Amino acid sequence: MKIALIAHDKKKNDIVQFSTAYKSILEEHELYATGTTGLRITEATGLKITRCQSGPLGGDQEIGAMIARNEMDTVIFFRDPLTAQPHEPDVSALIRLCDVYAIPLATNMGTAEILIHGLDRGDLKWRKVLHQRREEEADEGR
């Protein structure tokens, strides 16, 4: 599964703590993150992460494009709801894309823990089935 890890500045310590606690689960998956968040997680955990740009520099949009192409399976985005973000329209667009494409999204530690445990149990296997169907449809169309 492809997992995006994103955190606003005041939530970066939380996502590092989360990634450290769930390293054994996360290392079984393909990880993506916005710039600084990915760097911080990699430095703390040694997890292999494909890093996009920083959120304000387009990283949120890069991950959003992956969602729109069905290339992302879940998003863990620790948002800071109490601080205005200069790239708030990008944040809103990313959340909207998760809703449009039915991508599981956690925006806080509590929901992220439920999502990661579900991922570990295999509750998101339907995403693999969806990928297989789309590949078959693409093959039929060729």
C-alpha atoms as a PDB file:
ATOM      1  CA  MET A   1       0.000   0.000   0.000  1.00  0.00           C
ATOM      2  CA  LYS A   2       1.078   3.559  -0.673  1.00  0.00           C
ATOM      3  CA  ILE A   3       0.815   5.830   2.364  1.00  0.00           C
ATOM      4  CA  ALA A   4       1.266   9.614   2.412  1.00  0.00           C
ATOM      5  CA  LEU A   5       2.580  11.180   5.619  1.00  0.00           C
ATOM      6  CA  ILE A   6       2.073  14.930   6.025  1.00  0.00           C
ATOM      7  CA  ALA A   7       2.223  17.245   9.034  1.00  0.00           C
ATOM      8  CA  HIS A   8       1.958  20.947   9.643  1.00  0.00           C
ATOM      9  CA  ASP A   9       4.907  22.496  11.481  1.00  0.00           C
ATOM     10  CA  LYS A  10       3.379  22.313  14.957  1.00  0.00           C
ATOM     11  CA  LYS A  11       2.440  18.651  14.369  1.00  0.00           C
ATOM     12  CA  LYS A  12       5.776  17.373  13.034  1.00  0.00           C
ATOM     13  CA  ASN A  13       6.874  16.034  16.436  1.00  0.00           C
ATOM     14  CA  ASP A  14       3.577  14.142  16.652  1.00  0.00           C
ATOM     15  CA  ILE A  15       3.984  12.469  13.257  1.00  0.00           C
ATOM     16  CA  VAL A  16       7.584  11.529  14.102  1.00  0.00           C
ATOM     17  CA  GLN A  17       6.341   9.992  17.358  1.00  0.00           C
ATOM     18  CA  PHE A  18       3.567   8.175  15.463  1.00  0.00           C
ATOM     19  CA  SER A  19       6.005   6.892  12.828  1.00  0.00           C
ATOM     20  CA  THR A  20       8.396   5.691  15.499  1.00  0.00           C
ATOM     21  CA  ALA A  21       5.633   3.854  17.353  1.00  0.00           C
ATOM     22  CA  TYR A  22       4.305   2.199  14.182  1.00  0.00           C
ATOM     23  CA  LYS A  23       7.589   1.737  12.316  1.00  0.00           C
ATOM     24  CA  SER A  24       7.110  -2.036  12.069  1.00  0.00           C
ATOM     25  CA  ILE A  25       3.817  -1.527  10.224  1.00  0.00           C
ATOM     26  CA  LEU A  26       4.912   1.426   8.113  1.00  0.00           C
ATOM     27  CA  GLU A  27       8.080  -0.275   6.854  1.00  0.00           C
ATOM     28  CA  GLU A  28       5.890  -2.890   5.130  1.00  0.00           C
ATOM     29  CA  HIS A  29       4.440  -0.210   2.848  1.00  0.00           C
ATOM     30  CA  GLU A  30       5.529   2.346   0.257  1.00  0.00           C
ATOM     31  CA  LEU A  31       5.812   5.690   2.026  1.00  0.00           C
ATOM     32  CA  TYR A  32       5.555   9.210   0.631  1.00  0.00           C
ATOM     33  CA  ALA A  33       5.784  12.483   2.513  1.00  0.00           C
ATOM     34  CA  THR A  34       6.047  16.184   2.029  1.00  0.00           C
ATOM     35  CA  GLY A  35       9.613  17.517   2.269  1.00  0.00           C
ATOM     36  CA  THR A  36      10.449  18.399   5.847  1.00  0.00           C
ATOM     37  CA  THR A  37       8.034  15.865   7.320  1.00  0.00           C
ATOM     38  CA  GLY A  38       9.666  13.073   5.320  1.00  0.00           C
ATOM     39  CA  LEU A  39      13.139  14.199   6.334  1.00  0.00           C
ATOM     40  CA  ARG A  40      12.238  14.338  10.019  1.00  0.00           C
ATOM     41  CA  ILE A  41      10.631  10.875   9.938  1.00  0.00           C
ATOM     42  CA  THR A  42      13.555   9.340   8.043  1.00  0.00           C
ATOM     43  CA  GLU A  43      16.102  10.844  10.437  1.00  0.00           C
ATOM     44  CA  ALA A  44      14.192   9.542  13.466  1.00  0.00           C
ATOM     45  CA  THR A  45      13.218   6.101  12.183  1.00  0.00           C
ATOM     46  CA  GLY A  46      15.352   5.164   9.192  1.00  0.00           C
ATOM     47  CA  LEU A  47      12.174   4.491   7.190  1.00  0.00           C
ATOM     48  CA  LYS A  48      12.548   4.729   3.424  1.00  0.00           C
ATOM     49  CA  ILE A  49      10.333   7.588   2.247  1.00  0.00           C
ATOM     50  CA  THR A  50       9.856   9.154  -1.170  1.00  0.00           C
ATOM     51  CA  ARG A  51       9.877  12.868  -0.452  1.00  0.00           C
ATOM     52  CA  CYS A  52       7.812  15.403  -2.358  1.00  0.00           C
ATOM     53  CA  GLN A  53       8.235  19.160  -2.123  1.00  0.00           C
ATOM     54  CA  SER A  54       7.459  20.938   1.125  1.00  0.00           C
ATOM     55  CA  GLY A  55       3.696  21.492   1.539  1.00  0.00           C
ATOM     56  CA  PRO A  56       3.751  25.255   0.875  1.00  0.00           C
ATOM     57  CA  LEU A  57       5.965  24.668  -2.187  1.00  0.00           C
ATOM     58  CA  GLY A  58       3.574  22.209  -3.836  1.00  0.00           C
ATOM     59  CA  GLY A  59       4.029  18.972  -1.905  1.00  0.00           C
ATOM     60  CA  ASP A  60       0.347  18.811  -0.974  1.00  0.00           C
ATOM     61  CA  GLN A  61      -0.500  19.215  -4.660  1.00  0.00           C
ATOM     62  CA  GLU A  62       1.965  16.468  -5.652  1.00  0.00           C
ATOM     63  CA  ILE A  63       0.270  14.053  -3.280  1.00  0.00           C
ATOM     64  CA  GLY A  64      -3.135  15.283  -4.471  1.00  0.00           C
ATOM     65  CA  ALA A  65      -2.163  14.434  -8.053  1.00  0.00           C
ATOM     66  CA  MET A  66      -1.203  10.922  -6.931  1.00  0.00           C
ATOM     67  CA  ILE A  67      -4.621  10.564  -5.301  1.00  0.00           C
ATOM     68  CA  ALA A  68      -6.360  11.710  -8.491  1.00  0.00           C
ATOM     69  CA  ARG A  69      -4.419   9.083 -10.487  1.00  0.00           C
ATOM     70  CA  ASN A  70      -5.325   6.348  -7.956  1.00  0.00           C
ATOM     71  CA  GLU A  71      -1.665   6.069  -6.931  1.00  0.00           C
ATOM     72  CA  MET A  72      -2.177   6.663  -3.199  1.00  0.00           C
ATOM     73  CA  ASP A  73      -4.000   4.308  -0.852  1.00  0.00           C
ATOM     74  CA  THR A  74      -4.210   6.269   2.369  1.00  0.00           C
ATOM     75  CA  VAL A  75      -3.202   9.654   3.781  1.00  0.00           C
ATOM     76  CA  ILE A  76      -2.101  10.476   7.305  1.00  0.00           C
ATOM     77  CA  PHE A  77      -2.118  14.259   7.607  1.00  0.00           C
ATOM     78  CA  PHE A  78      -1.571  15.724  11.055  1.00  0.00           C
ATOM     79  CA  ARG A  79      -3.159  19.132  10.616  1.00  0.00           C
ATOM     80  CA  ASP A  80      -2.828  22.106  12.913  1.00  0.00           C
ATOM     81  CA  PRO A  81      -6.379  23.472  13.042  1.00  0.00           C
ATOM     82  CA  LEU A  82      -5.416  26.383  15.304  1.00  0.00           C
ATOM     83  CA  THR A  83      -2.826  28.036  13.071  1.00  0.00           C
ATOM     84  CA  ALA A  84      -3.586  29.744   9.757  1.00  0.00           C
ATOM     85  CA  GLN A  85      -1.710  28.074   6.902  1.00  0.00           C
ATOM     86  CA  PRO A  86      -0.547  30.143   3.923  1.00  0.00           C
ATOM     87  CA  HIS A  87      -1.297  27.174   1.643  1.00  0.00           C
ATOM     88  CA  GLU A  88      -4.749  26.443   3.116  1.00  0.00           C
ATOM     89  CA  PRO A  89      -6.386  26.156  -0.341  1.00  0.00           C
ATOM     90  CA  ASP A  90      -3.953  23.315  -1.146  1.00  0.00           C
ATOM     91  CA  VAL A  91      -4.759  21.630   2.158  1.00  0.00           C
ATOM     92  CA  SER A  92      -8.486  21.893   1.473  1.00  0.00           C
ATOM     93  CA  ALA A  93      -8.011  20.540  -2.051  1.00  0.00           C
ATOM     94  CA  LEU A  94      -6.072  17.534  -0.729  1.00  0.00           C
ATOM     95  CA  ILE A  95      -8.804  16.706   1.768  1.00  0.00           C
ATOM     96  CA  ARG A  96     -11.457  17.146  -0.915  1.00  0.00           C
ATOM     97  CA  LEU A  97      -9.586  14.769  -3.248  1.00  0.00           C
ATOM     98  CA  CYS A  98      -9.490  12.126  -0.520  1.00  0.00           C
ATOM     99  CA  ASP A  99     -13.273  12.427  -0.258  1.00  0.00           C
ATOM    100  CA  VAL A 100     -13.813  12.386  -4.037  1.00  0.00           C
ATOM    101  CA  TYR A 101     -11.669   9.277  -4.558  1.00  0.00           C
ATOM    102  CA  ALA A 102     -12.602   7.483  -1.294  1.00  0.00           C
ATOM    103  CA  ILE A 103      -9.036   7.530   0.035  1.00  0.00           C
ATOM    104  CA  PRO A 104      -8.893   6.843   3.785  1.00  0.00           C
ATOM    105  CA  LEU A 105      -7.657   9.998   5.533  1.00  0.00           C
ATOM    106  CA  ALA A 106      -6.581  10.552   9.134  1.00  0.00           C
ATOM    107  CA  THR A 107      -6.076  14.127  10.287  1.00  0.00           C
ATOM    108  CA  ASN A 108      -5.155  13.493  13.915  1.00  0.00           C
ATOM    109  CA  MET A 109      -3.353  10.954  16.097  1.00  0.00           C
ATOM    110  CA  GLY A 110      -6.509   9.129  17.222  1.00  0.00           C
ATOM    111  CA  THR A 111      -7.812   8.500  13.718  1.00  0.00           C
ATOM    112  CA  ALA A 112      -4.316   7.682  12.453  1.00  0.00           C
ATOM    113  CA  GLU A 113      -3.974   4.948  15.066  1.00  0.00           C
ATOM    114  CA  ILE A 114      -7.288   3.414  14.045  1.00  0.00           C
ATOM    115  CA  LEU A 115      -6.275   3.595  10.382  1.00  0.00           C
ATOM    116  CA  ILE A 116      -2.825   2.059  10.945  1.00  0.00           C
ATOM    117  CA  HIS A 117      -4.287  -0.810  12.982  1.00  0.00           C
ATOM    118  CA  GLY A 118      -6.869  -1.398  10.239  1.00  0.00           C
ATOM    119  CA  LEU A 119      -4.102  -1.399   7.655  1.00  0.00           C
ATOM    120  CA  ASP A 120      -2.175  -3.939   9.732  1.00  0.00           C
ATOM    121  CA  ARG A 121      -5.276  -6.174   9.997  1.00  0.00           C
ATOM    122  CA  GLY A 122      -5.828  -6.042   6.250  1.00  0.00           C
ATOM    123  CA  ASP A 123      -8.942  -3.872   6.351  1.00  0.00           C
ATOM    124  CA  LEU A 124      -7.714  -1.895   3.333  1.00  0.00           C
ATOM    125  CA  LYS A 125      -7.286  -4.894   1.022  1.00  0.00           C
ATOM    126  CA  TRP A 126     -10.160  -3.495  -1.038  1.00  0.00           C
ATOM    127  CA  ARG A 127      -7.663  -0.939  -2.359  1.00  0.00           C
ATOM    128  CA  LYS A 128      -5.595  -3.765  -3.902  1.00  0.00           C
ATOM    129  CA  VAL A 129      -8.731  -5.198  -5.519  1.00  0.00           C
ATOM    130  CA  LEU A 130      -9.526  -1.754  -6.920  1.00  0.00           C
ATOM    131  CA  HIS A 131      -6.004  -1.477  -8.379  1.00  0.00           C
ATOM    132  CA  GLN A 132      -6.323  -4.920 -10.000  1.00  0.00           C
ATOM    133  CA  ARG A 133      -9.688  -4.046 -11.562  1.00  0.00           C
ATOM    134  CA  ARG A 134      -8.340  -0.810 -13.017  1.00  0.00           C
ATOM    135  CA  GLU A 135      -5.318  -2.644 -14.444  1.00  0.00           C
ATOM    136  CA  GLU A 136      -7.603  -5.249 -16.039  1.00  0.00           C
ATOM    137  CA  GLU A 137      -9.823  -2.514 -17.510  1.00  0.00           C
ATOM    138  CA  ALA A 138      -6.750  -0.770 -18.899  1.00  0.00           C
ATOM    139  CA  ASP A 139      -5.518  -4.044 -20.460  1.00  0.00           C
ATOM    140  CA  GLU A 140      -8.920  -4.626 -22.066  1.00  0.00           C
ATOM    141  CA  GLY A 141      -8.893  -1.122 -23.511  1.00  0.00           C
ATOM    142  CA  ARG A 142      -5.549  -1.672 -25.296  1.00  0.00           C
END
